[in-house]
Amino acid sequence: MDQLRRLILDVPDFPKPGIVFRDFTPMLADPRGLSLAVELMANPYRGMGIDLVAGAESRGFIFGTAVAQTLSAGFIPIRKKGKLPRGTRGVDYELEYGTDRLEIHADSIKPGSRVLMVDDLLATGGTLRACCSLITQCQGIVAGVTVLIELRGLNGRAKVDEFGELHAVLAY
């Protein structure tokens, strides 16, 4: 874990004053660090019959596809409104100032498929909750949620508790 922490830089006052941004891009550039992060995100779900991995736009795509490959599962992108070319299901969710919408292809999950939800970061939990809701709307089973970083002080875990176990590689 120390190896990964050294590869994540704290950027004060980004994107606004008072926020400390956890920049994991140096970890992405380090082959050993990236490999370790993906393994640690995937390991708790080995042997659990994961059919699909879903990743939230856009940083969830980075880890989601790698975790899917590691688990020999398919990958499903969850995108912002208007980005998917075929029929979609969508869910609106609250942001700090306003609302946004996430969408998934309506036919991307067969009923009963076991889906692992992946994202880079759990903060307030709104995005991950919306993603898990989309999976269940499609009659998928949320088999777990895995993130690289959890910001514990923001209590996002409470918003995804109903969808099963949350695994965070690093917590701040």
N, C-alpha and C. Protein backbone atom coordinates (compact mmCIF):
# COMPACT_ATOMS: atom_id res chain seq x y z
N MET A 1 0.81 -1.19 0.00
CA MET A 1 0.00 0.00 0.00
C MET A 1 0.86 1.26 0.00
N ASP A 2 1.97 1.20 0.69
CA ASP A 2 2.85 2.37 0.71
C ASP A 2 3.36 2.70 -0.68
N GLN A 3 3.63 1.66 -1.48
CA GLN A 3 4.09 1.88 -2.85
C GLN A 3 3.04 2.68 -3.63
N LEU A 4 1.77 2.34 -3.48
CA LEU A 4 0.71 3.06 -4.18
C LEU A 4 0.55 4.47 -3.63
N ARG A 5 0.57 4.61 -2.33
CA ARG A 5 0.42 5.96 -1.73
C ARG A 5 1.50 6.91 -2.22
N ARG A 6 2.72 6.41 -2.40
CA ARG A 6 3.80 7.27 -2.89
C ARG A 6 3.56 7.73 -4.33
N LEU A 7 2.75 6.98 -5.07
CA LEU A 7 2.48 7.32 -6.47
C LEU A 7 1.22 8.17 -6.64
N ILE A 8 0.55 8.49 -5.56
CA ILE A 8 -0.63 9.36 -5.60
C ILE A 8 -0.26 10.68 -4.95
N LEU A 9 -0.36 11.73 -5.75
CA LEU A 9 0.06 13.05 -5.29
C LEU A 9 -1.12 13.86 -4.77
N ASP A 10 -0.90 14.59 -3.70
CA ASP A 10 -1.90 15.51 -3.17
C ASP A 10 -1.72 16.85 -3.85
N VAL A 11 -2.81 17.35 -4.45
CA VAL A 11 -2.79 18.65 -5.11
C VAL A 11 -3.75 19.55 -4.34
N PRO A 12 -3.20 20.48 -3.54
CA PRO A 12 -4.07 21.34 -2.74
C PRO A 12 -4.82 22.35 -3.61
N ASP A 13 -6.02 22.69 -3.16
CA ASP A 13 -6.84 23.73 -3.77
C ASP A 13 -7.21 23.44 -5.22
N PHE A 14 -7.44 22.16 -5.53
CA PHE A 14 -7.91 21.78 -6.87
C PHE A 14 -9.10 20.84 -6.71
N PRO A 15 -10.17 21.05 -7.37
CA PRO A 15 -10.46 22.06 -8.39
C PRO A 15 -10.89 23.40 -7.84
N LYS A 16 -11.01 23.50 -6.49
CA LYS A 16 -11.33 24.79 -5.89
C LYS A 16 -10.67 24.88 -4.53
N PRO A 17 -10.55 26.08 -3.98
CA PRO A 17 -9.88 26.26 -2.69
C PRO A 17 -10.49 25.36 -1.61
N GLY A 18 -9.61 24.77 -0.81
CA GLY A 18 -10.03 23.93 0.30
C GLY A 18 -10.12 22.45 -0.04
N ILE A 19 -10.04 22.11 -1.31
CA ILE A 19 -10.11 20.72 -1.74
C ILE A 19 -8.69 20.20 -1.95
N VAL A 20 -8.41 18.98 -1.48
CA VAL A 20 -7.14 18.31 -1.77
C VAL A 20 -7.46 17.22 -2.78
N PHE A 21 -6.98 17.38 -4.00
CA PHE A 21 -7.23 16.42 -5.08
C PHE A 21 -6.19 15.31 -5.00
N ARG A 22 -6.65 14.07 -5.03
CA ARG A 22 -5.75 12.91 -5.02
C ARG A 22 -5.46 12.53 -6.47
N ASP A 23 -4.29 12.91 -6.97
CA ASP A 23 -3.92 12.70 -8.37
C ASP A 23 -3.20 11.36 -8.53
N PHE A 24 -3.90 10.40 -9.14
CA PHE A 24 -3.31 9.08 -9.33
C PHE A 24 -2.65 8.92 -10.70
N THR A 25 -2.56 9.96 -11.50
CA THR A 25 -1.95 9.81 -12.83
C THR A 25 -0.48 9.37 -12.77
N PRO A 26 0.31 9.77 -11.75
CA PRO A 26 1.67 9.21 -11.68
C PRO A 26 1.65 7.69 -11.50
N MET A 27 0.66 7.16 -10.81
CA MET A 27 0.53 5.71 -10.63
C MET A 27 0.22 5.03 -11.96
N LEU A 28 -0.59 5.68 -12.79
CA LEU A 28 -0.92 5.11 -14.10
C LEU A 28 0.32 4.98 -14.98
N ALA A 29 1.26 5.89 -14.82
CA ALA A 29 2.48 5.88 -15.62
C ALA A 29 3.52 4.89 -15.11
N ASP A 30 3.30 4.33 -13.94
CA ASP A 30 4.23 3.39 -13.34
C ASP A 30 3.70 1.97 -13.55
N PRO A 31 4.34 1.16 -14.40
CA PRO A 31 3.80 -0.17 -14.71
C PRO A 31 3.54 -1.04 -13.48
N ARG A 32 4.45 -1.04 -12.52
CA ARG A 32 4.26 -1.85 -11.32
C ARG A 32 3.14 -1.31 -10.46
N GLY A 33 3.06 0.00 -10.34
CA GLY A 33 2.00 0.61 -9.54
C GLY A 33 0.63 0.36 -10.14
N LEU A 34 0.51 0.52 -11.45
CA LEU A 34 -0.77 0.29 -12.12
C LEU A 34 -1.19 -1.17 -11.98
N SER A 35 -0.26 -2.07 -12.21
CA SER A 35 -0.55 -3.49 -12.10
C SER A 35 -0.99 -3.85 -10.68
N LEU A 36 -0.30 -3.32 -9.69
CA LEU A 36 -0.66 -3.60 -8.30
C LEU A 36 -2.05 -3.05 -7.97
N ALA A 37 -2.34 -1.84 -8.40
CA ALA A 37 -3.66 -1.25 -8.13
C ALA A 37 -4.77 -2.10 -8.72
N VAL A 38 -4.61 -2.54 -9.97
CA VAL A 38 -5.63 -3.35 -10.63
C VAL A 38 -5.80 -4.68 -9.91
N GLU A 39 -4.69 -5.31 -9.54
CA GLU A 39 -4.78 -6.58 -8.82
C GLU A 39 -5.49 -6.42 -7.48
N LEU A 40 -5.17 -5.36 -6.76
CA LEU A 40 -5.80 -5.15 -5.46
C LEU A 40 -7.28 -4.82 -5.58
N MET A 41 -7.67 -4.17 -6.68
CA MET A 41 -9.09 -3.89 -6.91
C MET A 41 -9.85 -5.15 -7.30
N ALA A 42 -9.20 -6.04 -8.03
CA ALA A 42 -9.85 -7.25 -8.55
C ALA A 42 -9.83 -8.42 -7.59
N ASN A 43 -8.78 -8.57 -6.81
CA ASN A 43 -8.57 -9.77 -5.99
C ASN A 43 -9.76 -10.20 -5.13
N PRO A 44 -10.46 -9.29 -4.45
CA PRO A 44 -11.57 -9.76 -3.61
C PRO A 44 -12.70 -10.42 -4.40
N TYR A 45 -12.71 -10.25 -5.70
CA TYR A 45 -13.82 -10.74 -6.53
C TYR A 45 -13.44 -11.94 -7.39
N ARG A 46 -12.22 -12.44 -7.23
CA ARG A 46 -11.82 -13.64 -7.95
C ARG A 46 -12.66 -14.83 -7.47
N GLY A 47 -13.09 -15.63 -8.40
CA GLY A 47 -13.87 -16.81 -8.06
C GLY A 47 -15.31 -16.51 -7.64
N MET A 48 -15.76 -15.29 -7.84
CA MET A 48 -17.12 -14.92 -7.44
C MET A 48 -18.09 -14.92 -8.62
N GLY A 49 -17.65 -15.43 -9.75
CA GLY A 49 -18.55 -15.53 -10.89
C GLY A 49 -18.97 -14.20 -11.48
N ILE A 50 -18.04 -13.26 -11.54
CA ILE A 50 -18.34 -11.95 -12.12
C ILE A 50 -18.50 -12.12 -13.63
N ASP A 51 -19.65 -11.73 -14.15
CA ASP A 51 -19.91 -11.80 -15.59
C ASP A 51 -19.46 -10.53 -16.31
N LEU A 52 -19.71 -9.39 -15.65
CA LEU A 52 -19.44 -8.10 -16.26
C LEU A 52 -18.85 -7.14 -15.23
N VAL A 53 -18.05 -6.22 -15.74
CA VAL A 53 -17.55 -5.12 -14.92
C VAL A 53 -18.09 -3.85 -15.55
N ALA A 54 -18.65 -2.98 -14.73
CA ALA A 54 -19.15 -1.69 -15.20
C ALA A 54 -18.23 -0.60 -14.68
N GLY A 55 -17.93 0.37 -15.53
CA GLY A 55 -17.08 1.49 -15.15
C GLY A 55 -17.76 2.80 -15.43
N ALA A 56 -17.65 3.72 -14.48
CA ALA A 56 -18.27 5.04 -14.60
C ALA A 56 -17.35 5.98 -15.38
N GLU A 57 -17.97 6.75 -16.26
CA GLU A 57 -17.22 7.72 -17.06
C GLU A 57 -16.52 8.71 -16.16
N SER A 58 -15.36 9.09 -16.40
CA SER A 58 -14.44 8.55 -17.38
C SER A 58 -13.31 7.77 -16.72
N ARG A 59 -12.99 8.14 -15.50
CA ARG A 59 -11.85 7.47 -14.86
C ARG A 59 -12.16 6.03 -14.47
N GLY A 60 -13.43 5.70 -14.33
CA GLY A 60 -13.81 4.31 -14.08
C GLY A 60 -13.52 3.41 -15.27
N PHE A 61 -13.41 4.01 -16.47
CA PHE A 61 -13.05 3.23 -17.66
C PHE A 61 -11.61 2.72 -17.55
N ILE A 62 -10.74 3.54 -16.98
CA ILE A 62 -9.32 3.18 -16.87
C ILE A 62 -9.19 1.89 -16.06
N PHE A 63 -9.79 1.88 -14.88
CA PHE A 63 -9.67 0.72 -14.00
C PHE A 63 -10.65 -0.39 -14.37
N GLY A 64 -11.82 -0.01 -14.84
CA GLY A 64 -12.85 -1.00 -15.15
C GLY A 64 -12.44 -1.98 -16.22
N THR A 65 -11.85 -1.49 -17.30
CA THR A 65 -11.44 -2.41 -18.37
C THR A 65 -10.31 -3.32 -17.90
N ALA A 66 -9.38 -2.78 -17.11
CA ALA A 66 -8.28 -3.60 -16.60
C ALA A 66 -8.78 -4.65 -15.62
N VAL A 67 -9.71 -4.28 -14.75
CA VAL A 67 -10.27 -5.23 -13.80
C VAL A 67 -11.07 -6.30 -14.55
N ALA A 68 -11.82 -5.89 -15.56
CA ALA A 68 -12.58 -6.85 -16.36
C ALA A 68 -11.65 -7.87 -17.00
N GLN A 69 -10.56 -7.41 -17.58
CA GLN A 69 -9.61 -8.33 -18.20
C GLN A 69 -9.01 -9.26 -17.15
N THR A 70 -8.67 -8.73 -16.00
CA THR A 70 -8.09 -9.53 -14.93
C THR A 70 -9.05 -10.63 -14.47
N LEU A 71 -10.36 -10.33 -14.45
CA LEU A 71 -11.36 -11.28 -13.99
C LEU A 71 -11.98 -12.10 -15.12
N SER A 72 -11.47 -11.93 -16.34
CA SER A 72 -12.03 -12.60 -17.53
C SER A 72 -13.52 -12.33 -17.66
N ALA A 73 -13.89 -11.07 -17.50
CA ALA A 73 -15.27 -10.63 -17.59
C ALA A 73 -15.40 -9.61 -18.72
N GLY A 74 -16.62 -9.35 -19.12
CA GLY A 74 -16.87 -8.29 -20.09
C GLY A 74 -16.87 -6.94 -19.39
N PHE A 75 -16.88 -5.87 -20.20
CA PHE A 75 -16.88 -4.51 -19.66
C PHE A 75 -18.06 -3.72 -20.23
N ILE A 76 -18.70 -2.94 -19.38
CA ILE A 76 -19.82 -2.08 -19.76
C ILE A 76 -19.49 -0.65 -19.35
N PRO A 77 -19.52 0.29 -20.30
CA PRO A 77 -19.33 1.69 -19.92
C PRO A 77 -20.63 2.32 -19.46
N ILE A 78 -20.56 3.08 -18.39
CA ILE A 78 -21.67 3.90 -17.95
C ILE A 78 -21.27 5.34 -18.27
N ARG A 79 -22.09 5.97 -19.13
CA ARG A 79 -21.69 7.26 -19.70
C ARG A 79 -22.61 8.39 -19.26
N LYS A 80 -22.14 9.59 -19.52
CA LYS A 80 -22.97 10.77 -19.31
C LYS A 80 -24.02 10.83 -20.42
N LYS A 81 -25.06 11.57 -20.17
CA LYS A 81 -26.21 11.66 -21.08
C LYS A 81 -25.79 11.99 -22.51
N GLY A 82 -26.39 11.24 -23.45
CA GLY A 82 -26.21 11.54 -24.87
C GLY A 82 -24.96 10.99 -25.52
N LYS A 83 -24.19 10.18 -24.83
CA LYS A 83 -22.92 9.67 -25.36
C LYS A 83 -23.03 8.27 -25.96
N LEU A 84 -24.11 7.56 -25.68
CA LEU A 84 -24.26 6.19 -26.17
C LEU A 84 -25.15 6.17 -27.41
N PRO A 85 -24.79 5.38 -28.44
CA PRO A 85 -25.47 5.46 -29.74
C PRO A 85 -26.77 4.67 -29.87
N ARG A 86 -27.05 3.75 -28.95
CA ARG A 86 -28.26 2.93 -29.07
C ARG A 86 -29.21 3.22 -27.91
N GLY A 87 -30.27 2.45 -27.83
CA GLY A 87 -31.25 2.64 -26.77
C GLY A 87 -30.61 2.55 -25.39
N THR A 88 -31.03 3.44 -24.50
CA THR A 88 -30.40 3.50 -23.18
C THR A 88 -31.44 3.47 -22.07
N ARG A 89 -30.93 3.17 -20.89
CA ARG A 89 -31.63 3.40 -19.63
C ARG A 89 -30.82 4.48 -18.94
N GLY A 90 -31.48 5.31 -18.17
CA GLY A 90 -30.76 6.38 -17.50
C GLY A 90 -31.27 6.64 -16.11
N VAL A 91 -30.47 7.35 -15.35
CA VAL A 91 -30.84 7.75 -14.00
C VAL A 91 -30.27 9.14 -13.74
N ASP A 92 -31.10 9.99 -13.17
CA ASP A 92 -30.65 11.31 -12.75
C ASP A 92 -30.15 11.20 -11.32
N TYR A 93 -29.14 12.00 -10.99
CA TYR A 93 -28.62 11.96 -9.63
C TYR A 93 -28.14 13.35 -9.23
N GLU A 94 -28.05 13.54 -7.92
CA GLU A 94 -27.70 14.84 -7.36
C GLU A 94 -26.20 15.07 -7.37
N LEU A 95 -25.83 16.26 -7.75
CA LEU A 95 -24.46 16.74 -7.62
C LEU A 95 -24.44 17.80 -6.52
N GLU A 96 -23.27 18.31 -6.22
CA GLU A 96 -23.17 19.33 -5.19
C GLU A 96 -24.04 20.53 -5.55
N TYR A 97 -24.03 20.90 -6.85
CA TYR A 97 -24.83 22.03 -7.32
C TYR A 97 -25.63 21.60 -8.54
N GLY A 98 -26.78 20.96 -8.33
CA GLY A 98 -27.63 20.57 -9.44
C GLY A 98 -27.71 19.07 -9.60
N THR A 99 -28.06 18.65 -10.83
CA THR A 99 -28.21 17.23 -11.13
C THR A 99 -27.46 16.89 -12.40
N ASP A 100 -27.26 15.60 -12.62
CA ASP A 100 -26.65 15.10 -13.84
C ASP A 100 -27.36 13.79 -14.18
N ARG A 101 -27.01 13.20 -15.30
CA ARG A 101 -27.65 11.96 -15.74
C ARG A 101 -26.59 11.00 -16.25
N LEU A 102 -26.71 9.74 -15.85
CA LEU A 102 -25.85 8.68 -16.35
C LEU A 102 -26.71 7.70 -17.13
N GLU A 103 -26.11 7.09 -18.17
CA GLU A 103 -26.85 6.17 -19.02
C GLU A 103 -26.03 4.92 -19.31
N ILE A 104 -26.76 3.86 -19.63
CA ILE A 104 -26.17 2.58 -19.99
C ILE A 104 -26.98 2.04 -21.16
N HIS A 105 -26.35 1.30 -22.06
CA HIS A 105 -27.13 0.66 -23.12
C HIS A 105 -28.16 -0.26 -22.49
N ALA A 106 -29.40 -0.16 -22.94
CA ALA A 106 -30.50 -0.92 -22.34
C ALA A 106 -30.29 -2.42 -22.44
N ASP A 107 -29.54 -2.86 -23.44
CA ASP A 107 -29.36 -4.31 -23.65
C ASP A 107 -27.99 -4.82 -23.20
N SER A 108 -27.29 -4.03 -22.40
CA SER A 108 -25.91 -4.40 -22.05
C SER A 108 -25.80 -5.44 -20.94
N ILE A 109 -26.85 -5.63 -20.17
CA ILE A 109 -26.82 -6.57 -19.05
C ILE A 109 -27.98 -7.55 -19.20
N LYS A 110 -27.65 -8.82 -19.27
CA LYS A 110 -28.69 -9.85 -19.28
C LYS A 110 -29.21 -10.02 -17.85
N PRO A 111 -30.51 -10.23 -17.68
CA PRO A 111 -31.05 -10.43 -16.33
C PRO A 111 -30.29 -11.52 -15.57
N GLY A 112 -29.96 -11.20 -14.33
CA GLY A 112 -29.24 -12.15 -13.47
C GLY A 112 -27.74 -12.11 -13.59
N SER A 113 -27.21 -11.30 -14.51
CA SER A 113 -25.74 -11.19 -14.64
C SER A 113 -25.15 -10.58 -13.38
N ARG A 114 -24.02 -11.13 -12.97
CA ARG A 114 -23.31 -10.61 -11.79
C ARG A 114 -22.34 -9.53 -12.25
N VAL A 115 -22.56 -8.31 -11.76
CA VAL A 115 -21.82 -7.14 -12.24
C VAL A 115 -21.01 -6.53 -11.09
N LEU A 116 -19.74 -6.31 -11.35
CA LEU A 116 -18.86 -5.61 -10.41
C LEU A 116 -18.77 -4.15 -10.86
N MET A 117 -19.12 -3.24 -9.98
CA MET A 117 -19.04 -1.81 -10.28
C MET A 117 -17.67 -1.29 -9.87
N VAL A 118 -17.01 -0.57 -10.80
CA VAL A 118 -15.65 -0.07 -10.59
C VAL A 118 -15.59 1.43 -10.84
N ASP A 119 -14.92 2.13 -9.96
CA ASP A 119 -14.62 3.54 -10.20
C ASP A 119 -13.28 3.86 -9.54
N ASP A 120 -12.76 5.03 -9.84
CA ASP A 120 -11.47 5.42 -9.27
C ASP A 120 -11.60 5.86 -7.83
N LEU A 121 -12.73 6.53 -7.51
CA LEU A 121 -12.82 7.22 -6.23
C LEU A 121 -14.24 7.17 -5.70
N LEU A 122 -14.37 6.95 -4.41
CA LEU A 122 -15.64 7.10 -3.72
C LEU A 122 -15.53 8.34 -2.85
N ALA A 123 -16.34 9.34 -3.16
CA ALA A 123 -16.38 10.56 -2.36
C ALA A 123 -17.73 10.61 -1.64
N THR A 124 -18.69 11.34 -2.19
CA THR A 124 -20.00 11.44 -1.56
C THR A 124 -20.90 10.27 -1.89
N GLY A 125 -20.56 9.49 -2.91
CA GLY A 125 -21.30 8.28 -3.25
C GLY A 125 -22.41 8.45 -4.26
N GLY A 126 -22.69 9.66 -4.69
CA GLY A 126 -23.80 9.90 -5.62
C GLY A 126 -23.62 9.21 -6.96
N THR A 127 -22.44 9.30 -7.53
CA THR A 127 -22.19 8.67 -8.83
C THR A 127 -22.27 7.15 -8.73
N LEU A 128 -21.62 6.57 -7.74
CA LEU A 128 -21.65 5.11 -7.60
C LEU A 128 -23.05 4.60 -7.29
N ARG A 129 -23.81 5.34 -6.52
CA ARG A 129 -25.19 4.94 -6.24
C ARG A 129 -26.01 4.93 -7.53
N ALA A 130 -25.85 5.97 -8.35
CA ALA A 130 -26.57 6.04 -9.62
C ALA A 130 -26.17 4.89 -10.53
N CYS A 131 -24.90 4.57 -10.58
CA CYS A 131 -24.42 3.46 -11.42
C CYS A 131 -25.01 2.13 -10.96
N CYS A 132 -25.00 1.89 -9.67
CA CYS A 132 -25.56 0.64 -9.15
C CYS A 132 -27.05 0.57 -9.42
N SER A 133 -27.73 1.69 -9.34
CA SER A 133 -29.16 1.73 -9.65
C SER A 133 -29.40 1.35 -11.11
N LEU A 134 -28.55 1.82 -12.00
CA LEU A 134 -28.67 1.45 -13.42
C LEU A 134 -28.50 -0.05 -13.61
N ILE A 135 -27.54 -0.63 -12.93
CA ILE A 135 -27.31 -2.07 -13.04
C ILE A 135 -28.56 -2.84 -12.61
N THR A 136 -29.14 -2.43 -11.50
CA THR A 136 -30.33 -3.15 -11.02
C THR A 136 -31.54 -2.87 -11.90
N GLN A 137 -31.64 -1.68 -12.49
CA GLN A 137 -32.72 -1.39 -13.45
C GLN A 137 -32.68 -2.37 -14.61
N CYS A 138 -31.47 -2.76 -15.00
CA CYS A 138 -31.28 -3.70 -16.11
C CYS A 138 -31.39 -5.15 -15.64
N GLN A 139 -31.81 -5.35 -14.41
CA GLN A 139 -31.98 -6.67 -13.79
C GLN A 139 -30.66 -7.40 -13.58
N GLY A 140 -29.57 -6.63 -13.50
CA GLY A 140 -28.29 -7.21 -13.12
C GLY A 140 -28.19 -7.26 -11.61
N ILE A 141 -27.26 -8.06 -11.13
CA ILE A 141 -26.99 -8.19 -9.70
C ILE A 141 -25.67 -7.49 -9.42
N VAL A 142 -25.70 -6.49 -8.55
CA VAL A 142 -24.46 -5.82 -8.17
C VAL A 142 -23.72 -6.77 -7.22
N ALA A 143 -22.64 -7.37 -7.73
CA ALA A 143 -21.88 -8.35 -6.95
C ALA A 143 -20.87 -7.69 -6.02
N GLY A 144 -20.65 -6.39 -6.19
CA GLY A 144 -19.72 -5.66 -5.37
C GLY A 144 -19.37 -4.34 -6.02
N VAL A 145 -18.71 -3.50 -5.23
CA VAL A 145 -18.23 -2.21 -5.70
C VAL A 145 -16.77 -2.11 -5.28
N THR A 146 -15.89 -1.77 -6.23
CA THR A 146 -14.48 -1.63 -5.90
C THR A 146 -13.96 -0.30 -6.43
N VAL A 147 -13.18 0.37 -5.59
CA VAL A 147 -12.59 1.66 -5.95
C VAL A 147 -11.12 1.67 -5.54
N LEU A 148 -10.37 2.51 -6.20
CA LEU A 148 -8.97 2.69 -5.81
C LEU A 148 -8.89 3.48 -4.50
N ILE A 149 -9.65 4.58 -4.42
CA ILE A 149 -9.55 5.49 -3.28
C ILE A 149 -10.93 5.77 -2.69
N GLU A 150 -11.02 5.71 -1.37
CA GLU A 150 -12.22 6.13 -0.66
C GLU A 150 -11.86 7.33 0.21
N LEU A 151 -12.63 8.40 0.10
CA LEU A 151 -12.48 9.56 0.96
C LEU A 151 -13.48 9.39 2.11
N ARG A 152 -13.02 8.82 3.20
CA ARG A 152 -13.91 8.37 4.28
C ARG A 152 -14.68 9.50 4.94
N GLY A 153 -14.11 10.67 5.02
CA GLY A 153 -14.78 11.79 5.69
C GLY A 153 -16.05 12.24 5.01
N LEU A 154 -16.27 11.83 3.77
CA LEU A 154 -17.46 12.26 3.03
C LEU A 154 -18.60 11.26 3.12
N ASN A 155 -18.38 10.13 3.79
CA ASN A 155 -19.42 9.13 4.10
C ASN A 155 -20.17 8.61 2.87
N GLY A 156 -19.47 8.48 1.74
CA GLY A 156 -20.10 7.95 0.54
C GLY A 156 -20.48 6.49 0.65
N ARG A 157 -19.80 5.78 1.49
CA ARG A 157 -20.07 4.34 1.68
C ARG A 157 -21.54 4.10 2.04
N ALA A 158 -22.11 4.99 2.81
CA ALA A 158 -23.50 4.84 3.24
C ALA A 158 -24.47 4.85 2.05
N LYS A 159 -24.11 5.53 0.99
CA LYS A 159 -24.99 5.61 -0.18
C LYS A 159 -24.95 4.36 -1.06
N VAL A 160 -23.94 3.52 -0.87
CA VAL A 160 -23.86 2.30 -1.70
C VAL A 160 -23.99 1.02 -0.88
N ASP A 161 -24.17 1.16 0.42
CA ASP A 161 -24.28 -0.01 1.31
C ASP A 161 -25.34 -1.01 0.84
N GLU A 162 -26.46 -0.54 0.35
CA GLU A 162 -27.55 -1.45 -0.04
C GLU A 162 -27.18 -2.33 -1.23
N PHE A 163 -26.10 -1.98 -1.93
CA PHE A 163 -25.70 -2.73 -3.11
C PHE A 163 -24.62 -3.77 -2.82
N GLY A 164 -24.32 -3.99 -1.57
CA GLY A 164 -23.35 -5.02 -1.21
C GLY A 164 -22.03 -4.44 -0.75
N GLU A 165 -21.06 -5.31 -0.69
CA GLU A 165 -19.76 -4.96 -0.14
C GLU A 165 -19.02 -3.95 -1.00
N LEU A 166 -18.43 -2.97 -0.33
CA LEU A 166 -17.56 -1.99 -0.98
C LEU A 166 -16.12 -2.32 -0.60
N HIS A 167 -15.26 -2.38 -1.61
CA HIS A 167 -13.84 -2.60 -1.37
C HIS A 167 -13.08 -1.38 -1.86
N ALA A 168 -12.28 -0.78 -0.98
CA ALA A 168 -11.43 0.36 -1.34
C ALA A 168 -9.99 -0.04 -1.08
N VAL A 169 -9.13 0.16 -2.08
CA VAL A 169 -7.71 -0.17 -1.93
C VAL A 169 -7.06 0.77 -0.95
N LEU A 170 -7.32 2.07 -1.09
CA LEU A 170 -6.74 3.09 -0.22
C LEU A 170 -7.83 3.95 0.37
N ALA A 171 -7.65 4.38 1.61
CA ALA A 171 -8.61 5.28 2.23
C ALA A 171 -7.86 6.49 2.78
N TYR A 172 -8.49 7.63 2.64
CA TYR A 172 -7.93 8.88 3.15
C TYR A 172 -8.98 9.54 4.03
